[in-house]
C-alpha atoms as a PDB file:
ATOM      1  CA  UNK A   1       0.011  -0.011   0.008  1.00  0.00           C
ATOM      2  CA  UNK A   2       1.495   3.338  -1.059  1.00  0.00           C
ATOM      3  CA  UNK A   3       2.221   6.072   1.475  1.00  0.00           C
ATOM      4  CA  UNK A   4      -0.898   8.115   1.991  1.00  0.00           C
ATOM      5  CA  UNK A   5      -0.382  11.853   1.489  1.00  0.00           C
ATOM      6  CA  UNK A   6      -2.836  14.603   2.349  1.00  0.00           C
ATOM      7  CA  UNK A   7      -1.729  18.123   1.405  1.00  0.00           C
ATOM      8  CA  UNK A   8      -2.919  20.728   3.846  1.00  0.00           C
ATOM      9  CA  UNK A   9      -4.432  23.883   2.339  1.00  0.00           C
ATOM     10  CA  UNK A  10      -3.813  26.026   5.385  1.00  0.00           C
ATOM     11  CA  UNK A  11      -0.121  25.235   5.770  1.00  0.00           C
ATOM     12  CA  UNK A  12       2.831  24.294   3.537  1.00  0.00           C
ATOM     13  CA  UNK A  13       2.780  20.774   4.933  1.00  0.00           C
ATOM     14  CA  UNK A  14       1.692  17.352   3.898  1.00  0.00           C
ATOM     15  CA  UNK A  15       0.160  14.810   6.285  1.00  0.00           C
ATOM     16  CA  UNK A  16       1.858  11.518   5.516  1.00  0.00           C
ATOM     17  CA  UNK A  17       0.638   8.131   6.798  1.00  0.00           C
ATOM     18  CA  UNK A  18       3.378   5.492   6.968  1.00  0.00           C
ATOM     19  CA  UNK A  19       2.399   1.858   7.181  1.00  0.00           C
ATOM     20  CA  UNK A  20       4.481  -1.287   7.728  1.00  0.00           C
ATOM     21  CA  UNK A  21       2.463  -4.275   6.466  1.00  0.00           C
ATOM     22  CA  UNK A  22       1.898  -7.333   8.599  1.00  0.00           C
ATOM     23  CA  UNK A  23       4.078  -9.600   6.434  1.00  0.00           C
ATOM     24  CA  UNK A  24       7.060  -7.259   7.023  1.00  0.00           C
ATOM     25  CA  UNK A  25       6.288  -6.697  10.694  1.00  0.00           C
ATOM     26  CA  UNK A  26       6.055 -10.465  11.278  1.00  0.00           C
ATOM     27  CA  UNK A  27       6.237 -10.987  15.059  1.00  0.00           C
ATOM     28  CA  UNK A  28       7.347  -7.435  15.840  1.00  0.00           C
ATOM     29  CA  UNK A  29       6.497  -6.036  19.246  1.00  0.00           C
ATOM     30  CA  UNK A  30       7.429  -2.496  18.427  1.00  0.00           C
ATOM     31  CA  UNK A  31       8.199  -0.557  15.208  1.00  0.00           C
ATOM     32  CA  UNK A  32       9.643   2.959  15.119  1.00  0.00           C
ATOM     33  CA  UNK A  33       9.557   5.361  12.190  1.00  0.00           C
ATOM     34  CA  UNK A  34      13.107   6.842  11.921  1.00  0.00           C
ATOM     35  CA  UNK A  35      14.392   9.315   9.289  1.00  0.00           C
ATOM     36  CA  UNK A  36      15.572  12.666   8.205  1.00  0.00           C
ATOM     37  CA  UNK A  37      12.524  14.281   9.821  1.00  0.00           C
ATOM     38  CA  UNK A  38      13.676  13.240  13.340  1.00  0.00           C
ATOM     39  CA  UNK A  39      17.463  13.377  12.699  1.00  0.00           C
ATOM     40  CA  UNK A  40      17.558   9.510  12.715  1.00  0.00           C
ATOM     41  CA  UNK A  41      16.995   9.475  16.453  1.00  0.00           C
ATOM     42  CA  UNK A  42      15.905   6.014  17.625  1.00  0.00           C
ATOM     43  CA  UNK A  43      14.451   7.284  20.941  1.00  0.00           C
ATOM     44  CA  UNK A  44      10.994   8.078  19.526  1.00  0.00           C
ATOM     45  CA  UNK A  45       7.526   6.865  20.317  1.00  0.00           C
ATOM     46  CA  UNK A  46       6.637   3.571  18.498  1.00  0.00           C
ATOM     47  CA  UNK A  47       4.183   3.347  15.699  1.00  0.00           C
ATOM     48  CA  UNK A  48       0.613   2.241  16.462  1.00  0.00           C
ATOM     49  CA  UNK A  49      -0.014  -1.472  16.099  1.00  0.00           C
ATOM     50  CA  UNK A  50      -3.339  -2.249  14.355  1.00  0.00           C
ATOM     51  CA  UNK A  51      -5.484  -5.304  15.017  1.00  0.00           C
ATOM     52  CA  UNK A  52      -4.557  -6.470  11.520  1.00  0.00           C
ATOM     53  CA  UNK A  53      -0.879  -6.751  12.658  1.00  0.00           C
ATOM     54  CA  UNK A  54       0.225  -3.692  10.646  1.00  0.00           C
ATOM     55  CA  UNK A  55       1.921  -0.691  12.190  1.00  0.00           C
ATOM     56  CA  UNK A  56       1.001   2.860  11.264  1.00  0.00           C
ATOM     57  CA  UNK A  57       1.964   6.480  12.059  1.00  0.00           C
ATOM     58  CA  UNK A  58       0.951   9.825  10.585  1.00  0.00           C
ATOM     59  CA  UNK A  59       3.162  12.837  10.657  1.00  0.00           C
ATOM     60  CA  UNK A  60       3.164  16.316   9.099  1.00  0.00           C
ATOM     61  CA  UNK A  61       6.103  17.114   6.881  1.00  0.00           C
ATOM     62  CA  UNK A  62       7.050  20.450   5.185  1.00  0.00           C
ATOM     63  CA  UNK A  63       6.224  20.347   1.454  1.00  0.00           C
ATOM     64  CA  UNK A  64       8.631  20.349  -1.523  1.00  0.00           C
ATOM     65  CA  UNK A  65      11.217  18.119   0.136  1.00  0.00           C
ATOM     66  CA  UNK A  66      12.470  14.553   0.091  1.00  0.00           C
ATOM     67  CA  UNK A  67      12.923  12.603   3.299  1.00  0.00           C
ATOM     68  CA  UNK A  68      14.858   9.396   3.748  1.00  0.00           C
ATOM     69  CA  UNK A  69      13.500   6.991   6.336  1.00  0.00           C
ATOM     70  CA  UNK A  70      13.376   3.393   7.554  1.00  0.00           C
ATOM     71  CA  UNK A  71      11.401   1.309  10.052  1.00  0.00           C
ATOM     72  CA  UNK A  72      13.279  -0.003  13.164  1.00  0.00           C
ATOM     73  CA  UNK A  73      11.673  -3.287  14.251  1.00  0.00           C
ATOM     74  CA  UNK A  74      12.099  -4.264  17.952  1.00  0.00           C
ATOM     75  CA  UNK A  75      15.109  -1.864  18.212  1.00  0.00           C
ATOM     76  CA  UNK A  76      17.321  -4.292  16.213  1.00  0.00           C
ATOM     77  CA  UNK A  77      16.175  -4.817  12.604  1.00  0.00           C
ATOM     78  CA  UNK A  78      15.836  -2.198   9.934  1.00  0.00           C
ATOM     79  CA  UNK A  79      13.113  -2.523   7.310  1.00  0.00           C
ATOM     80  CA  UNK A  80      12.383  -0.457   4.190  1.00  0.00           C
ATOM     81  CA  UNK A  81       9.037   0.681   2.946  1.00  0.00           C
ATOM     82  CA  UNK A  82       8.578  -1.172  -0.332  1.00  0.00           C
ATOM     83  CA  UNK A  83       5.837   1.304  -1.354  1.00  0.00           C
ATOM     84  CA  UNK A  84       8.147   4.283  -0.914  1.00  0.00           C
ATOM     85  CA  UNK A  85       8.535   6.936  -3.650  1.00  0.00           C
ATOM     86  CA  UNK A  86      12.212   6.119  -4.155  1.00  0.00           C
ATOM     87  CA  UNK A  87      15.301   4.608  -2.596  1.00  0.00           C
ATOM     88  CA  UNK A  88      18.765   6.055  -1.944  1.00  0.00           C
ATOM     89  CA  UNK A  89      21.968   4.371  -0.778  1.00  0.00           C
ATOM     90  CA  UNK A  90      22.734   4.394   2.941  1.00  0.00           C
ATOM     91  CA  UNK A  91      26.542   4.895   3.179  1.00  0.00           C
ATOM     92  CA  UNK A  92      26.717   3.577   6.741  1.00  0.00           C
ATOM     93  CA  UNK A  93      25.009   0.250   6.259  1.00  0.00           C
ATOM     94  CA  UNK A  94      25.371  -0.232   2.482  1.00  0.00           C
ATOM     95  CA  UNK A  95      21.619  -0.865   2.308  1.00  0.00           C
ATOM     96  CA  UNK A  96      19.082   1.524   0.767  1.00  0.00           C
ATOM     97  CA  UNK A  97      16.906   3.970   2.610  1.00  0.00           C
ATOM     98  CA  UNK A  98      13.332   4.496   1.678  1.00  0.00           C
ATOM     99  CA  UNK A  99      12.348   8.019   0.402  1.00  0.00           C
ATOM    100  CA  UNK A 100       9.060   9.944   0.658  1.00  0.00           C
ATOM    101  CA  UNK A 101       8.646  13.028  -1.560  1.00  0.00           C
ATOM    102  CA  UNK A 102       6.074  15.644  -0.489  1.00  0.00           C
END
């Protein structure tokens, strides 16, 4: 499922809903949304776990920018969003980061 984007008319922001599907979350207890928008800090509130087993979180992001991000599962495993707008290399881990464009 692609990232859900709702552009706000009253502000130069976009409300973005991130979702980690159940098949990627597997047996996860917690999932955190980490990225450029929070300076890659891992000490953030976890995403909301839905009854379906998916994890979701909605945040407002300033428009006309690109943000790299990943999901941190149980504080140990990084996951990408396979419905992201793009992917860019992560020079630290040699993996890719997901990208959302708003």
